[in-house]
């Protein structure tokens, strides 16, 4: 129960970082023009590799792409995978994945990814990315938004 409330809290925070959904759209988002092509590629690879790990049901690998904050929150790959299976079906088993803009919302760096879930419904996954001290990128949260919730 505590874990579920905390996950909901994380989702609310990431939703706020991602522009607030349908009501706020992309008004607070600006393109992340300060991030170079090499870093953009690294960010994309982290997300692609985590999605691939989900497809293989490799919890340890998927958990390894999460930031230390997220790892501390869930404590183990099993807990992390249970959360993903239970609430993030489009990320866990996407039919289609298309990368969209990398944007800044306040201090947060958000990679928007258009997904088609296993039910055929389109969603936007807003991944908050975090640069680690070793200069690698990790996923610091993700929230799913209706595909119509953000301005294009």
Protein backbone atom coordinates (compact mmCIF):
# COMPACT_ATOMS: atom_id res chain seq x y z
CA UNK A 1 0.00 0.00 0.00
CA UNK A 2 2.80 2.43 0.87
CA UNK A 3 4.61 1.54 -2.36
CA UNK A 4 1.44 2.14 -4.39
CA UNK A 5 0.94 5.60 -2.84
CA UNK A 6 4.58 6.46 -3.46
CA UNK A 7 4.35 5.35 -7.10
CA UNK A 8 1.27 7.54 -7.52
CA UNK A 9 3.20 10.44 -5.99
CA UNK A 10 6.08 9.90 -8.41
CA UNK A 11 3.63 9.79 -11.32
CA UNK A 12 2.06 13.07 -10.22
CA UNK A 13 5.47 14.73 -9.94
CA UNK A 14 6.57 13.47 -13.35
CA UNK A 15 3.23 14.49 -14.84
CA UNK A 16 3.82 18.00 -13.55
CA UNK A 17 7.32 17.95 -15.02
CA UNK A 18 5.96 16.75 -18.34
CA UNK A 19 3.74 19.78 -18.76
CA UNK A 20 0.71 18.90 -16.70
CA UNK A 21 -1.25 16.84 -19.19
CA UNK A 22 -4.27 18.05 -21.11
CA UNK A 23 -4.86 21.21 -19.09
CA UNK A 24 -1.40 22.66 -19.45
CA UNK A 25 -0.23 21.00 -22.66
CA UNK A 26 3.27 21.87 -23.77
CA UNK A 27 3.19 25.50 -22.68
CA UNK A 28 5.94 25.02 -20.08
CA UNK A 29 8.09 22.89 -22.38
CA UNK A 30 10.95 24.17 -24.46
CA UNK A 31 13.14 22.18 -26.83
CA UNK A 32 16.33 21.02 -25.13
CA UNK A 33 18.66 22.77 -27.55
CA UNK A 34 21.53 22.65 -25.05
CA UNK A 35 21.78 18.85 -25.34
CA UNK A 36 24.10 17.68 -28.10
CA UNK A 37 23.42 14.95 -30.63
CA UNK A 38 25.68 12.46 -28.83
CA UNK A 39 23.82 12.97 -25.54
CA UNK A 40 20.46 12.74 -27.30
CA UNK A 41 21.58 9.43 -28.77
CA UNK A 42 22.65 8.18 -25.33
CA UNK A 43 19.26 9.14 -23.87
CA UNK A 44 17.43 7.35 -26.66
CA UNK A 45 19.59 4.22 -26.22
CA UNK A 46 18.87 4.06 -22.49
CA UNK A 47 15.11 4.14 -23.12
CA UNK A 48 15.33 1.68 -26.04
CA UNK A 49 17.42 -0.74 -23.98
CA UNK A 50 15.04 -0.57 -21.04
CA UNK A 51 12.05 -1.27 -23.31
CA UNK A 52 13.99 -4.18 -24.82
CA UNK A 53 14.69 -5.52 -21.31
CA UNK A 54 10.96 -5.29 -20.52
CA UNK A 55 10.16 -7.26 -23.68
CA UNK A 56 12.58 -9.97 -22.51
CA UNK A 57 11.23 -9.85 -18.93
CA UNK A 58 14.78 -9.10 -17.77
CA UNK A 59 14.04 -7.21 -14.56
CA UNK A 60 17.66 -6.82 -13.53
CA UNK A 61 18.61 -5.24 -16.85
CA UNK A 62 15.52 -2.97 -16.92
CA UNK A 63 16.13 -1.90 -13.31
CA UNK A 64 19.73 -1.02 -14.20
CA UNK A 65 18.52 1.79 -16.49
CA UNK A 66 16.63 3.46 -13.63
CA UNK A 67 18.21 6.28 -11.66
CA UNK A 68 19.53 5.63 -8.15
CA UNK A 69 16.46 7.47 -6.85
CA UNK A 70 14.07 5.09 -8.62
CA UNK A 71 16.16 2.07 -7.64
CA UNK A 72 16.01 3.19 -4.01
CA UNK A 73 12.28 3.72 -4.26
CA UNK A 74 11.56 0.19 -5.48
CA UNK A 75 14.44 -1.60 -3.82
CA UNK A 76 14.61 -4.57 -6.18
CA UNK A 77 14.12 -5.52 -9.82
CA UNK A 78 11.13 -7.67 -8.82
CA UNK A 79 9.30 -4.74 -7.19
CA UNK A 80 10.15 -2.53 -10.15
CA UNK A 81 8.89 -5.07 -12.68
CA UNK A 82 5.67 -5.61 -10.72
CA UNK A 83 4.99 -1.87 -10.92
CA UNK A 84 5.73 -1.75 -14.65
CA UNK A 85 3.57 -4.79 -15.42
CA UNK A 86 0.72 -3.40 -13.32
CA UNK A 87 0.64 0.17 -14.52
CA UNK A 88 2.75 0.68 -17.63
CA UNK A 89 1.54 -1.87 -20.20
CA UNK A 90 2.40 0.39 -23.18
CA UNK A 91 6.01 0.60 -21.95
CA UNK A 92 6.15 -3.06 -20.93
CA UNK A 93 4.73 -4.41 -24.20
CA UNK A 94 4.60 -1.67 -26.84
CA UNK A 95 3.36 -2.44 -30.34
CA UNK A 96 5.15 0.64 -31.67
CA UNK A 97 7.75 3.08 -30.36
CA UNK A 98 8.53 6.47 -31.90
CA UNK A 99 10.80 9.03 -30.30
CA UNK A 100 9.56 12.60 -30.26
CA UNK A 101 11.07 15.77 -28.81
CA UNK A 102 13.53 16.09 -25.98
CA UNK A 103 12.28 19.03 -23.93
CA UNK A 104 13.04 20.97 -20.79
CA UNK A 105 10.31 21.63 -18.28
CA UNK A 106 11.79 23.77 -15.57
CA UNK A 107 15.02 22.05 -14.57
CA UNK A 108 13.86 18.62 -15.79
CA UNK A 109 14.90 17.03 -19.06
CA UNK A 110 11.99 15.07 -20.56
CA UNK A 111 12.16 12.68 -23.51
CA UNK A 112 8.75 12.29 -25.13
CA UNK A 113 8.10 8.92 -26.73
CA UNK A 114 4.99 8.03 -28.70
CA UNK A 115 3.89 4.48 -27.93
CA UNK A 116 1.13 2.19 -29.09
CA UNK A 117 0.18 -0.09 -26.24
CA UNK A 118 -0.71 -3.76 -26.46
CA UNK A 119 -4.38 -2.73 -26.65
CA UNK A 120 -3.70 -0.57 -29.73
CA UNK A 121 -4.19 2.71 -27.85
CA UNK A 122 -1.64 5.48 -28.48
CA UNK A 123 -0.01 7.18 -25.50
CA UNK A 124 2.87 9.55 -24.89
CA UNK A 125 5.48 8.34 -22.42
CA UNK A 126 7.24 11.28 -20.77
CA UNK A 127 10.59 10.05 -19.46
CA UNK A 128 12.45 12.26 -17.02
CA UNK A 129 16.15 11.75 -17.69
CA UNK A 130 18.90 12.28 -15.14
CA UNK A 131 22.61 12.71 -15.86
CA UNK A 132 24.72 10.70 -13.43
CA UNK A 133 28.11 11.74 -12.01
CA UNK A 134 29.78 9.24 -14.38
CA UNK A 135 28.15 11.13 -17.32
CA UNK A 136 25.70 8.32 -18.13
CA UNK A 137 21.96 8.93 -18.44
CA UNK A 138 19.35 7.12 -16.36
CA UNK A 139 15.56 7.20 -16.27
CA UNK A 140 14.30 9.10 -13.25
CA UNK A 141 10.59 8.52 -13.83
CA UNK A 142 8.03 8.01 -16.51
CA UNK A 143 4.41 8.97 -16.85
CA UNK A 144 1.95 7.96 -19.53
CA UNK A 145 -0.17 10.71 -21.03
CA UNK A 146 -3.04 10.39 -23.47
CA UNK A 147 -1.72 10.97 -26.97
CA UNK A 148 -4.08 13.95 -27.34
CA UNK A 149 -2.94 15.59 -24.10
CA UNK A 150 -0.02 17.59 -25.42
CA UNK A 151 0.17 20.23 -28.07
CA UNK A 152 2.26 19.33 -31.11
